[in-house]
Amino acid sequence: MSDLATTVRAIAFEETPTGHKWAYEHLTSQPGEPLSDRGRDLREWGYLYGLAYGIARGENPYEPNAEAAERAYQAAIGVFNDPVLRNVGFVKAFESGQLEGLAG
């Protein structure tokens, strides 16, 4: 796992003084009707890729966009395809408490 992927994974699952509510409420809020499994996957992917891209841009603001995007993609796909998460799904795992201790 790359340094960027390790950072993305740690931040995506980090415990903060206010818990995970800083992103989790927005990640899981319903847009008017229940989300399908695909909808949850797309939301999870957008969250992880956006996080990775933001970190990549912050690490080197002068890096060409295509290179930052590729690094972010590789990092996010590594976290997104993590067997621990893919077997149970990000949201389902979080709701059931299965993400305890994954950060760090």
PDB file of N, CA and C in Angstrom:
ATOM      1  N   MET A   1       0.850  -1.173   0.000  1.00  0.00           N
ATOM      2  CA  MET A   1       0.000   0.000   0.000  1.00  0.00           C
ATOM      3  C   MET A   1       0.899   1.240   0.000  1.00  0.00           C
ATOM      4  N   SER A   2       0.601   2.181  -0.882  1.00  0.00           N
ATOM      5  CA  SER A   2       1.402   3.404  -0.983  1.00  0.00           C
ATOM      6  C   SER A   2       1.222   4.274   0.255  1.00  0.00           C
ATOM      7  N   ASP A   3       2.125   5.232   0.412  1.00  0.00           N
ATOM      8  CA  ASP A   3       2.002   6.181   1.527  1.00  0.00           C
ATOM      9  C   ASP A   3       0.688   6.948   1.433  1.00  0.00           C
ATOM     10  N   LEU A   4       0.303   7.326   0.212  1.00  0.00           N
ATOM     11  CA  LEU A   4      -0.954   8.060   0.036  1.00  0.00           C
ATOM     12  C   LEU A   4      -2.137   7.188   0.428  1.00  0.00           C
ATOM     13  N   ALA A   5      -2.134   5.924   0.020  1.00  0.00           N
ATOM     14  CA  ALA A   5      -3.233   5.017   0.386  1.00  0.00           C
ATOM     15  C   ALA A   5      -3.301   4.818   1.888  1.00  0.00           C
ATOM     16  N   THR A   6      -2.150   4.699   2.526  1.00  0.00           N
ATOM     17  CA  THR A   6      -2.114   4.541   3.983  1.00  0.00           C
ATOM     18  C   THR A   6      -2.713   5.769   4.662  1.00  0.00           C
ATOM     19  N   THR A   7      -2.372   6.945   4.157  1.00  0.00           N
ATOM     20  CA  THR A   7      -2.919   8.192   4.713  1.00  0.00           C
ATOM     21  C   THR A   7      -4.420   8.269   4.495  1.00  0.00           C
ATOM     22  N   VAL A   8      -4.881   7.922   3.293  1.00  0.00           N
ATOM     23  CA  VAL A   8      -6.318   7.953   2.988  1.00  0.00           C
ATOM     24  C   VAL A   8      -7.067   7.009   3.913  1.00  0.00           C
ATOM     25  N   ARG A   9      -6.556   5.800   4.069  1.00  0.00           N
ATOM     26  CA  ARG A   9      -7.220   4.828   4.938  1.00  0.00           C
ATOM     27  C   ARG A   9      -7.274   5.340   6.376  1.00  0.00           C
ATOM     28  N   ALA A  10      -6.175   5.881   6.864  1.00  0.00           N
ATOM     29  CA  ALA A  10      -6.143   6.375   8.241  1.00  0.00           C
ATOM     30  C   ALA A  10      -7.128   7.521   8.443  1.00  0.00           C
ATOM     31  N   ILE A  11      -7.167   8.461   7.489  1.00  0.00           N
ATOM     32  CA  ILE A  11      -8.072   9.600   7.632  1.00  0.00           C
ATOM     33  C   ILE A  11      -9.522   9.182   7.437  1.00  0.00           C
ATOM     34  N   ALA A  12      -9.788   8.293   6.507  1.00  0.00           N
ATOM     35  CA  ALA A  12     -11.161   7.861   6.244  1.00  0.00           C
ATOM     36  C   ALA A  12     -11.785   7.218   7.466  1.00  0.00           C
ATOM     37  N   PHE A  13     -10.978   6.575   8.282  1.00  0.00           N
ATOM     38  CA  PHE A  13     -11.506   5.851   9.432  1.00  0.00           C
ATOM     39  C   PHE A  13     -11.063   6.431  10.767  1.00  0.00           C
ATOM     40  N   GLU A  14     -10.469   7.633  10.749  1.00  0.00           N
ATOM     41  CA  GLU A  14      -9.937   8.168  11.995  1.00  0.00           C
ATOM     42  C   GLU A  14     -11.038   8.539  12.974  1.00  0.00           C
ATOM     43  N   GLU A  15     -10.719   8.414  14.215  1.00  0.00           N
ATOM     44  CA  GLU A  15     -11.621   8.822  15.290  1.00  0.00           C
ATOM     45  C   GLU A  15     -11.251  10.256  15.640  1.00  0.00           C
ATOM     46  N   THR A  16     -12.226  11.125  15.721  1.00  0.00           N
ATOM     47  CA  THR A  16     -11.983  12.514  16.062  1.00  0.00           C
ATOM     48  C   THR A  16     -12.680  12.815  17.390  1.00  0.00           C
ATOM     49  N   PRO A  17     -12.406  13.973  17.976  1.00  0.00           N
ATOM     50  CA  PRO A  17     -13.082  14.300  19.233  1.00  0.00           C
ATOM     51  C   PRO A  17     -14.609  14.253  19.128  1.00  0.00           C
ATOM     52  N   THR A  18     -15.139  14.467  17.932  1.00  0.00           N
ATOM     53  CA  THR A  18     -16.591  14.396  17.750  1.00  0.00           C
ATOM     54  C   THR A  18     -17.006  13.107  17.057  1.00  0.00           C
ATOM     55  N   GLY A  19     -16.131  12.134  17.040  1.00  0.00           N
ATOM     56  CA  GLY A  19     -16.435  10.867  16.376  1.00  0.00           C
ATOM     57  C   GLY A  19     -16.299  11.001  14.875  1.00  0.00           C
ATOM     58  N   HIS A  20     -16.979  10.147  14.152  1.00  0.00           N
ATOM     59  CA  HIS A  20     -16.919  10.168  12.695  1.00  0.00           C
ATOM     60  C   HIS A  20     -17.974  11.094  12.092  1.00  0.00           C
ATOM     61  N   LYS A  21     -18.713  11.791  12.897  1.00  0.00           N
ATOM     62  CA  LYS A  21     -19.839  12.577  12.396  1.00  0.00           C
ATOM     63  C   LYS A  21     -19.442  13.643  11.391  1.00  0.00           C
ATOM     64  N   TRP A  22     -18.203  14.094  11.425  1.00  0.00           N
ATOM     65  CA  TRP A  22     -17.779  15.156  10.508  1.00  0.00           C
ATOM     66  C   TRP A  22     -17.992  14.771   9.049  1.00  0.00           C
ATOM     67  N   ALA A  23     -17.866  13.512   8.687  1.00  0.00           N
ATOM     68  CA  ALA A  23     -18.105  13.075   7.312  1.00  0.00           C
ATOM     69  C   ALA A  23     -19.198  12.018   7.239  1.00  0.00           C
ATOM     70  N   TYR A  24     -19.334  11.230   8.275  1.00  0.00           N
ATOM     71  CA  TYR A  24     -20.224  10.076   8.236  1.00  0.00           C
ATOM     72  C   TYR A  24     -21.684  10.472   8.021  1.00  0.00           C
ATOM     73  N   GLU A  25     -22.136  11.523   8.666  1.00  0.00           N
ATOM     74  CA  GLU A  25     -23.531  11.937   8.492  1.00  0.00           C
ATOM     75  C   GLU A  25     -23.826  12.280   7.043  1.00  0.00           C
ATOM     76  N   HIS A  26     -22.874  12.928   6.381  1.00  0.00           N
ATOM     77  CA  HIS A  26     -23.078  13.281   4.974  1.00  0.00           C
ATOM     78  C   HIS A  26     -22.946  12.059   4.080  1.00  0.00           C
ATOM     79  N   LEU A  27     -22.069  11.160   4.449  1.00  0.00           N
ATOM     80  CA  LEU A  27     -21.856   9.951   3.651  1.00  0.00           C
ATOM     81  C   LEU A  27     -23.074   9.043   3.687  1.00  0.00           C
ATOM     82  N   THR A  28     -23.766   9.007   4.816  1.00  0.00           N
ATOM     83  CA  THR A  28     -24.874   8.072   4.978  1.00  0.00           C
ATOM     84  C   THR A  28     -26.252   8.716   4.913  1.00  0.00           C
ATOM     85  N   SER A  29     -26.334  10.037   4.800  1.00  0.00           N
ATOM     86  CA  SER A  29     -27.654  10.671   4.763  1.00  0.00           C
ATOM     87  C   SER A  29     -28.405  10.235   3.515  1.00  0.00           C
ATOM     88  N   GLN A  30     -29.673  10.054   3.676  1.00  0.00           N
ATOM     89  CA  GLN A  30     -30.506   9.568   2.577  1.00  0.00           C
ATOM     90  C   GLN A  30     -30.939  10.736   1.705  1.00  0.00           C
ATOM     91  N   PRO A  31     -30.859  10.582   0.399  1.00  0.00           N
ATOM     92  CA  PRO A  31     -31.262  11.664  -0.511  1.00  0.00           C
ATOM     93  C   PRO A  31     -32.751  11.632  -0.829  1.00  0.00           C
ATOM     94  N   GLY A  32     -33.586  11.133   0.064  1.00  0.00           N
ATOM     95  CA  GLY A  32     -35.016  11.101  -0.160  1.00  0.00           C
ATOM     96  C   GLY A  32     -35.569   9.688  -0.262  1.00  0.00           C
ATOM     97  N   GLU A  33     -34.742   8.747  -0.610  1.00  0.00           N
ATOM     98  CA  GLU A  33     -35.153   7.345  -0.671  1.00  0.00           C
ATOM     99  C   GLU A  33     -33.943   6.485  -0.309  1.00  0.00           C
ATOM    100  N   PRO A  34     -34.172   5.272   0.140  1.00  0.00           N
ATOM    101  CA  PRO A  34     -33.048   4.425   0.551  1.00  0.00           C
ATOM    102  C   PRO A  34     -32.062   4.203  -0.593  1.00  0.00           C
ATOM    103  N   LEU A  35     -30.804   4.148  -0.244  1.00  0.00           N
ATOM    104  CA  LEU A  35     -29.759   3.903  -1.236  1.00  0.00           C
ATOM    105  C   LEU A  35     -29.662   2.420  -1.561  1.00  0.00           C
ATOM    106  N   SER A  36     -29.395   2.125  -2.801  1.00  0.00           N
ATOM    107  CA  SER A  36     -29.115   0.743  -3.197  1.00  0.00           C
ATOM    108  C   SER A  36     -27.669   0.424  -2.796  1.00  0.00           C
ATOM    109  N   ASP A  37     -27.300  -0.829  -2.893  1.00  0.00           N
ATOM    110  CA  ASP A  37     -25.909  -1.191  -2.625  1.00  0.00           C
ATOM    111  C   ASP A  37     -24.986  -0.456  -3.585  1.00  0.00           C
ATOM    112  N   ARG A  38     -25.384  -0.345  -4.839  1.00  0.00           N
ATOM    113  CA  ARG A  38     -24.570   0.384  -5.828  1.00  0.00           C
ATOM    114  C   ARG A  38     -24.468   1.865  -5.450  1.00  0.00           C
ATOM    115  N   GLY A  39     -25.545   2.424  -5.002  1.00  0.00           N
ATOM    116  CA  GLY A  39     -25.515   3.821  -4.574  1.00  0.00           C
ATOM    117  C   GLY A  39     -24.560   4.039  -3.410  1.00  0.00           C
ATOM    118  N   ARG A  40     -24.562   3.107  -2.465  1.00  0.00           N
ATOM    119  CA  ARG A  40     -23.627   3.207  -1.340  1.00  0.00           C
ATOM    120  C   ARG A  40     -22.182   3.073  -1.824  1.00  0.00           C
ATOM    121  N   ASP A  41     -21.963   2.129  -2.748  1.00  0.00           N
ATOM    122  CA  ASP A  41     -20.612   1.949  -3.297  1.00  0.00           C
ATOM    123  C   ASP A  41     -20.138   3.210  -4.008  1.00  0.00           C
ATOM    124  N   LEU A  42     -21.025   3.825  -4.792  1.00  0.00           N
ATOM    125  CA  LEU A  42     -20.651   5.047  -5.500  1.00  0.00           C
ATOM    126  C   LEU A  42     -20.356   6.180  -4.525  1.00  0.00           C
ATOM    127  N   ARG A  43     -21.126   6.267  -3.477  1.00  0.00           N
ATOM    128  CA  ARG A  43     -20.894   7.299  -2.471  1.00  0.00           C
ATOM    129  C   ARG A  43     -19.566   7.054  -1.758  1.00  0.00           C
ATOM    130  N   GLU A  44     -19.316   5.798  -1.409  1.00  0.00           N
ATOM    131  CA  GLU A  44     -18.051   5.439  -0.762  1.00  0.00           C
ATOM    132  C   GLU A  44     -16.874   5.771  -1.681  1.00  0.00           C
ATOM    133  N   TRP A  45     -16.999   5.386  -2.951  1.00  0.00           N
ATOM    134  CA  TRP A  45     -15.914   5.643  -3.903  1.00  0.00           C
ATOM    135  C   TRP A  45     -15.651   7.143  -4.020  1.00  0.00           C
ATOM    136  N   GLY A  46     -16.689   7.938  -4.161  1.00  0.00           N
ATOM    137  CA  GLY A  46     -16.523   9.386  -4.268  1.00  0.00           C
ATOM    138  C   GLY A  46     -15.835   9.977  -3.046  1.00  0.00           C
ATOM    139  N   TYR A  47     -16.201   9.483  -1.897  1.00  0.00           N
ATOM    140  CA  TYR A  47     -15.587   9.946  -0.650  1.00  0.00           C
ATOM    141  C   TYR A  47     -14.098   9.618  -0.631  1.00  0.00           C
ATOM    142  N   LEU A  48     -13.761   8.363  -0.921  1.00  0.00           N
ATOM    143  CA  LEU A  48     -12.358   7.946  -0.860  1.00  0.00           C
ATOM    144  C   LEU A  48     -11.515   8.623  -1.936  1.00  0.00           C
ATOM    145  N   TYR A  49     -12.041   8.707  -3.153  1.00  0.00           N
ATOM    146  CA  TYR A  49     -11.272   9.350  -4.225  1.00  0.00           C
ATOM    147  C   TYR A  49     -11.107  10.848  -3.955  1.00  0.00           C
ATOM    148  N   GLY A  50     -12.159  11.494  -3.507  1.00  0.00           N
ATOM    149  CA  GLY A  50     -12.063  12.925  -3.190  1.00  0.00           C
ATOM    150  C   GLY A  50     -11.049  13.189  -2.088  1.00  0.00           C
ATOM    151  N   LEU A  51     -11.053  12.347  -1.087  1.00  0.00           N
ATOM    152  CA  LEU A  51     -10.082  12.472  -0.010  1.00  0.00           C
ATOM    153  C   LEU A  51      -8.668  12.285  -0.545  1.00  0.00           C
ATOM    154  N   ALA A  52      -8.467  11.250  -1.349  1.00  0.00           N
ATOM    155  CA  ALA A  52      -7.144  10.965  -1.921  1.00  0.00           C
ATOM    156  C   ALA A  52      -6.672  12.109  -2.817  1.00  0.00           C
ATOM    157  N   TYR A  53      -7.567  12.634  -3.641  1.00  0.00           N
ATOM    158  CA  TYR A  53      -7.180  13.710  -4.547  1.00  0.00           C
ATOM    159  C   TYR A  53      -6.807  14.979  -3.768  1.00  0.00           C
ATOM    160  N   GLY A  54      -7.596  15.290  -2.766  1.00  0.00           N
ATOM    161  CA  GLY A  54      -7.283  16.466  -1.951  1.00  0.00           C
ATOM    162  C   GLY A  54      -5.936  16.350  -1.259  1.00  0.00           C
ATOM    163  N   ILE A  55      -5.636  15.176  -0.746  1.00  0.00           N
ATOM    164  CA  ILE A  55      -4.344  14.958  -0.086  1.00  0.00           C
ATOM    165  C   ILE A  55      -3.220  15.040  -1.114  1.00  0.00           C
ATOM    166  N   ALA A  56      -3.418  14.404  -2.273  1.00  0.00           N
ATOM    167  CA  ALA A  56      -2.387  14.427  -3.323  1.00  0.00           C
ATOM    168  C   ALA A  56      -2.094  15.864  -3.760  1.00  0.00           C
ATOM    169  N   ARG A  57      -3.134  16.665  -3.953  1.00  0.00           N
ATOM    170  CA  ARG A  57      -2.922  18.068  -4.360  1.00  0.00           C
ATOM    171  C   ARG A  57      -2.220  18.850  -3.267  1.00  0.00           C
ATOM    172  N   GLY A  58      -2.558  18.568  -2.019  1.00  0.00           N
ATOM    173  CA  GLY A  58      -1.915  19.263  -0.909  1.00  0.00           C
ATOM    174  C   GLY A  58      -0.448  18.892  -0.749  1.00  0.00           C
ATOM    175  N   GLU A  59      -0.109  17.666  -1.076  1.00  0.00           N
ATOM    176  CA  GLU A  59       1.280  17.219  -0.974  1.00  0.00           C
ATOM    177  C   GLU A  59       2.172  17.934  -1.987  1.00  0.00           C
ATOM    178  N   ASN A  60       1.634  18.156  -3.178  1.00  0.00           N
ATOM    179  CA  ASN A  60       2.433  18.801  -4.225  1.00  0.00           C
ATOM    180  C   ASN A  60       1.506  19.599  -5.133  1.00  0.00           C
ATOM    181  N   PRO A  61       1.247  20.864  -4.780  1.00  0.00           N
ATOM    182  CA  PRO A  61       0.304  21.665  -5.568  1.00  0.00           C
ATOM    183  C   PRO A  61       0.771  21.937  -6.995  1.00  0.00           C
ATOM    184  N   TYR A  62       2.042  21.717  -7.291  1.00  0.00           N
ATOM    185  CA  TYR A  62       2.566  21.989  -8.633  1.00  0.00           C
ATOM    186  C   TYR A  62       2.642  20.735  -9.507  1.00  0.00           C
ATOM    187  N   GLU A  63       2.264  19.610  -8.950  1.00  0.00           N
ATOM    188  CA  GLU A  63       2.244  18.375  -9.723  1.00  0.00           C
ATOM    189  C   GLU A  63       1.173  18.503 -10.815  1.00  0.00           C
ATOM    190  N   PRO A  64       1.460  18.032 -12.027  1.00  0.00           N
ATOM    191  CA  PRO A  64       0.433  18.094 -13.072  1.00  0.00           C
ATOM    192  C   PRO A  64      -0.849  17.387 -12.632  1.00  0.00           C
ATOM    193  N   ASN A  65      -1.983  17.940 -13.045  1.00  0.00           N
ATOM    194  CA  ASN A  65      -3.274  17.391 -12.637  1.00  0.00           C
ATOM    195  C   ASN A  65      -3.410  15.908 -12.939  1.00  0.00           C
ATOM    196  N   ALA A  66      -2.982  15.499 -14.128  1.00  0.00           N
ATOM    197  CA  ALA A  66      -3.117  14.095 -14.514  1.00  0.00           C
ATOM    198  C   ALA A  66      -2.319  13.179 -13.582  1.00  0.00           C
ATOM    199  N   GLU A  67      -1.146  13.622 -13.166  1.00  0.00           N
ATOM    200  CA  GLU A  67      -0.329  12.805 -12.266  1.00  0.00           C
ATOM    201  C   GLU A  67      -0.952  12.736 -10.872  1.00  0.00           C
ATOM    202  N   ALA A  68      -1.450  13.859 -10.372  1.00  0.00           N
ATOM    203  CA  ALA A  68      -2.119  13.864  -9.064  1.00  0.00           C
ATOM    204  C   ALA A  68      -3.367  12.989  -9.110  1.00  0.00           C
ATOM    205  N   ALA A  69      -4.114  13.079 -10.200  1.00  0.00           N
ATOM    206  CA  ALA A  69      -5.329  12.281 -10.340  1.00  0.00           C
ATOM    207  C   ALA A  69      -5.002  10.789 -10.381  1.00  0.00           C
ATOM    208  N   GLU A  70      -3.946  10.423 -11.068  1.00  0.00           N
ATOM    209  CA  GLU A  70      -3.558   9.004 -11.145  1.00  0.00           C
ATOM    210  C   GLU A  70      -3.089   8.492  -9.788  1.00  0.00           C
ATOM    211  N   ARG A  71      -2.279   9.285  -9.080  1.00  0.00           N
ATOM    212  CA  ARG A  71      -1.844   8.871  -7.737  1.00  0.00           C
ATOM    213  C   ARG A  71      -3.046   8.721  -6.813  1.00  0.00           C
ATOM    214  N   ALA A  72      -3.978   9.658  -6.900  1.00  0.00           N
ATOM    215  CA  ALA A  72      -5.181   9.605  -6.064  1.00  0.00           C
ATOM    216  C   ALA A  72      -6.012   8.379  -6.411  1.00  0.00           C
ATOM    217  N   TYR A  73      -6.148   8.104  -7.693  1.00  0.00           N
ATOM    218  CA  TYR A  73      -6.921   6.941  -8.129  1.00  0.00           C
ATOM    219  C   TYR A  73      -6.301   5.662  -7.574  1.00  0.00           C
ATOM    220  N   GLN A  74      -4.999   5.502  -7.730  1.00  0.00           N
ATOM    221  CA  GLN A  74      -4.329   4.288  -7.264  1.00  0.00           C
ATOM    222  C   GLN A  74      -4.474   4.128  -5.746  1.00  0.00           C
ATOM    223  N   ALA A  75      -4.348   5.220  -5.016  1.00  0.00           N
ATOM    224  CA  ALA A  75      -4.495   5.153  -3.559  1.00  0.00           C
ATOM    225  C   ALA A  75      -5.930   4.811  -3.175  1.00  0.00           C
ATOM    226  N   ALA A  76      -6.888   5.493  -3.781  1.00  0.00           N
ATOM    227  CA  ALA A  76      -8.295   5.278  -3.431  1.00  0.00           C
ATOM    228  C   ALA A  76      -8.759   3.879  -3.806  1.00  0.00           C
ATOM    229  N   ILE A  77      -8.335   3.376  -4.960  1.00  0.00           N
ATOM    230  CA  ILE A  77      -8.781   2.046  -5.376  1.00  0.00           C
ATOM    231  C   ILE A  77      -8.200   0.985  -4.447  1.00  0.00           C
ATOM    232  N   GLY A  78      -6.992   1.228  -3.941  1.00  0.00           N
ATOM    233  CA  GLY A  78      -6.414   0.292  -2.976  1.00  0.00           C
ATOM    234  C   GLY A  78      -7.216   0.225  -1.694  1.00  0.00           C
ATOM    235  N   VAL A  79      -7.671   1.365  -1.216  1.00  0.00           N
ATOM    236  CA  VAL A  79      -8.495   1.397  -0.002  1.00  0.00           C
ATOM    237  C   VAL A  79      -9.891   0.856  -0.316  1.00  0.00           C
ATOM    238  N   PHE A  80     -10.467   1.274  -1.437  1.00  0.00           N
ATOM    239  CA  PHE A  80     -11.820   0.849  -1.817  1.00  0.00           C
ATOM    240  C   PHE A  80     -11.901  -0.672  -1.979  1.00  0.00           C
ATOM    241  N   ASN A  81     -10.867  -1.280  -2.524  1.00  0.00           N
ATOM    242  CA  ASN A  81     -10.861  -2.722  -2.764  1.00  0.00           C
ATOM    243  C   ASN A  81     -10.277  -3.523  -1.613  1.00  0.00           C
ATOM    244  N   ASP A  82     -10.005  -2.882  -0.496  1.00  0.00           N
ATOM    245  CA  ASP A  82      -9.487  -3.590   0.668  1.00  0.00           C
ATOM    246  C   ASP A  82     -10.448  -4.722   1.015  1.00  0.00           C
ATOM    247  N   PRO A  83      -9.963  -5.957   1.115  1.00  0.00           N
ATOM    248  CA  PRO A  83     -10.862  -7.094   1.364  1.00  0.00           C
ATOM    249  C   PRO A  83     -11.706  -6.944   2.630  1.00  0.00           C
ATOM    250  N   VAL A  84     -11.152  -6.322   3.640  1.00  0.00           N
ATOM    251  CA  VAL A  84     -11.915  -6.121   4.881  1.00  0.00           C
ATOM    252  C   VAL A  84     -13.150  -5.282   4.604  1.00  0.00           C
ATOM    253  N   LEU A  85     -12.998  -4.269   3.789  1.00  0.00           N
ATOM    254  CA  LEU A  85     -14.113  -3.376   3.499  1.00  0.00           C
ATOM    255  C   LEU A  85     -15.028  -3.937   2.426  1.00  0.00           C
ATOM    256  N   ARG A  86     -14.485  -4.536   1.394  1.00  0.00           N
ATOM    257  CA  ARG A  86     -15.305  -5.026   0.286  1.00  0.00           C
ATOM    258  C   ARG A  86     -16.170  -6.213   0.690  1.00  0.00           C
ATOM    259  N   ASN A  87     -15.733  -6.980   1.668  1.00  0.00           N
ATOM    260  CA  ASN A  87     -16.530  -8.127   2.090  1.00  0.00           C
ATOM    261  C   ASN A  87     -17.789  -7.717   2.833  1.00  0.00           C
ATOM    262  N   VAL A  88     -17.763  -6.582   3.502  1.00  0.00           N
ATOM    263  CA  VAL A  88     -18.919  -6.177   4.292  1.00  0.00           C
ATOM    264  C   VAL A  88     -19.490  -4.831   3.854  1.00  0.00           C
ATOM    265  N   GLY A  89     -18.743  -4.073   3.099  1.00  0.00           N
ATOM    266  CA  GLY A  89     -19.193  -2.757   2.672  1.00  0.00           C
ATOM    267  C   GLY A  89     -18.856  -1.714   3.731  1.00  0.00           C
ATOM    268  N   PHE A  90     -18.402  -0.557   3.275  1.00  0.00           N
ATOM    269  CA  PHE A  90     -17.964   0.508   4.172  1.00  0.00           C
ATOM    270  C   PHE A  90     -19.047   0.913   5.176  1.00  0.00           C
ATOM    271  N   VAL A  91     -20.211   1.250   4.691  1.00  0.00           N
ATOM    272  CA  VAL A  91     -21.268   1.743   5.565  1.00  0.00           C
ATOM    273  C   VAL A  91     -21.773   0.645   6.495  1.00  0.00           C
ATOM    274  N   LYS A  92     -22.001  -0.548   5.948  1.00  0.00           N
ATOM    275  CA  LYS A  92     -22.485  -1.648   6.774  1.00  0.00           C
ATOM    276  C   LYS A  92     -21.475  -1.995   7.861  1.00  0.00           C
ATOM    277  N   ALA A  93     -20.199  -1.982   7.513  1.00  0.00           N
ATOM    278  CA  ALA A  93     -19.151  -2.285   8.492  1.00  0.00           C
ATOM    279  C   ALA A  93     -19.115  -1.222   9.579  1.00  0.00           C
ATOM    280  N   PHE A  94     -19.240   0.030   9.174  1.00  0.00           N
ATOM    281  CA  PHE A  94     -19.204   1.104  10.157  1.00  0.00           C
ATOM    282  C   PHE A  94     -20.403   1.003  11.096  1.00  0.00           C
ATOM    283  N   GLU A  95     -21.571   0.805  10.529  1.00  0.00           N
ATOM    284  CA  GLU A  95     -22.787   0.732  11.341  1.00  0.00           C
ATOM    285  C   GLU A  95     -22.759  -0.432  12.322  1.00  0.00           C
ATOM    286  N   SER A  96     -22.120  -1.511  11.950  1.00  0.00           N
ATOM    287  CA  SER A  96     -22.069  -2.676  12.822  1.00  0.00           C
ATOM    288  C   SER A  96     -20.877  -2.653  13.773  1.00  0.00           C
ATOM    289  N   GLY A  97     -20.055  -1.600  13.700  1.00  0.00           N
ATOM    290  CA  GLY A  97     -18.896  -1.486  14.588  1.00  0.00           C
ATOM    291  C   GLY A  97     -17.687  -2.279  14.128  1.00  0.00           C
ATOM    292  N   GLN A  98     -17.703  -2.805  12.904  1.00  0.00           N
ATOM    293  CA  GLN A  98     -16.595  -3.620  12.424  1.00  0.00           C
ATOM    294  C   GLN A  98     -15.386  -2.803  12.004  1.00  0.00           C
ATOM    295  N   LEU A  99     -15.475  -1.488  11.968  1.00  0.00           N
ATOM    296  CA  LEU A  99     -14.328  -0.674  11.603  1.00  0.00           C
ATOM    297  C   LEU A  99     -13.508  -0.249  12.816  1.00  0.00           C
ATOM    298  N   GLU A 100     -13.907  -0.667  13.988  1.00  0.00           N
ATOM    299  CA  GLU A 100     -13.152  -0.339  15.187  1.00  0.00           C
ATOM    300  C   GLU A 100     -11.706  -0.791  15.037  1.00  0.00           C
ATOM    301  N   GLY A 101     -10.763   0.082  15.318  1.00  0.00           N
ATOM    302  CA  GLY A 101      -9.361  -0.284  15.312  1.00  0.00           C
ATOM    303  C   GLY A 101      -8.710  -0.353  13.945  1.00  0.00           C
ATOM    304  N   LEU A 102      -9.410   0.002  12.851  1.00  0.00           N
ATOM    305  CA  LEU A 102      -8.780  -0.054  11.550  1.00  0.00           C
ATOM    306  C   LEU A 102      -7.870   1.126  11.297  1.00  0.00           C
ATOM    307  N   ALA A 103      -8.132   2.255  11.925  1.00  0.00           N
ATOM    308  CA  ALA A 103      -7.264   3.408  11.725  1.00  0.00           C
ATOM    309  C   ALA A 103      -5.936   3.162  12.401  1.00  0.00           C
ATOM    310  N   GLY A 104      -4.885   3.538  11.701  1.00  0.00           N
ATOM    311  CA  GLY A 104      -3.546   3.437  12.282  1.00  0.00           C
ATOM    312  C   GLY A 104      -2.957   2.148  12.162  1.00  0.00           C
TER     313      GLY A 104
END
